[in-house]
């Protein structure tokens, strides 16, 4: 059963929505074979794969390249492409052109856009042009310069009201779901109850309609900082290190390959 936007929306209140990032055909194939409904080509690949310090430097061409690879590895999941910094913040026409590249060139099923009420008109325009949109509010990494770092959002009453307004505007504009990142659990619960579309949490507690994590974090493969909310479902880093050390030693000693 191939996953579609209507099928994902229909899960709300019935079944938790599972989402996972993937950055290439290999990781995408593993995610798809596991039955993950939503596979996000996150701009986090800037840090996890390409070695940048933040998500800000990654380009449209890099995102399209990786999204196409993920699409080739997926047969059932819904592939969502993260629109990178400055690919949609300018004119609506520029944003539609870039979003269209993900659909036409890279085979994505939808795009993800960071930002709240400000993005309402753009989301409405994209959806009206046949491009499904996954919203993203709370901690939006592309706004790291404005936030002064990767900090939890919505902790004051005013900030909570603003996030509620953001969520309502995105839903009204036609977003099919909204990622809540680093939002207090009780606020995430309130938002999830108020919306008719699914919420997908990352560091936002257990009350969201679904959860998303980064592929390398789930498998314990990360080399850098791992957020406190992450749960490792495997710890492959030491196994990888041991395997590579054994390979190196075997080659240097002449043990591999055998005659």
Foldseek 3Di string as FASTA:
>chain_A
DAAALVNQQVCQPPAFQEEEEDFALVLLLVCQVVVRAEYEPDLCCVCFPVNDPASAPDDLVSQLVRLLRSLVNHDHHQYEGEDGPPQCPDDLVSVLVSLVCCVPVRVHQAYEDEDFLVCLVSQLVNVVVPHAYEYEDFQDRNCCVVVVHRAGFDPDPVRLVVVLRRLVSNVVSHHQEYEYERYDQVSQLVSQVVDSHFYEYDNRDDNGSYYYDYSCLCAQCGDDDDDPRGDHVHNCNVVVVVVVVVVVVCVVVVVPPDD
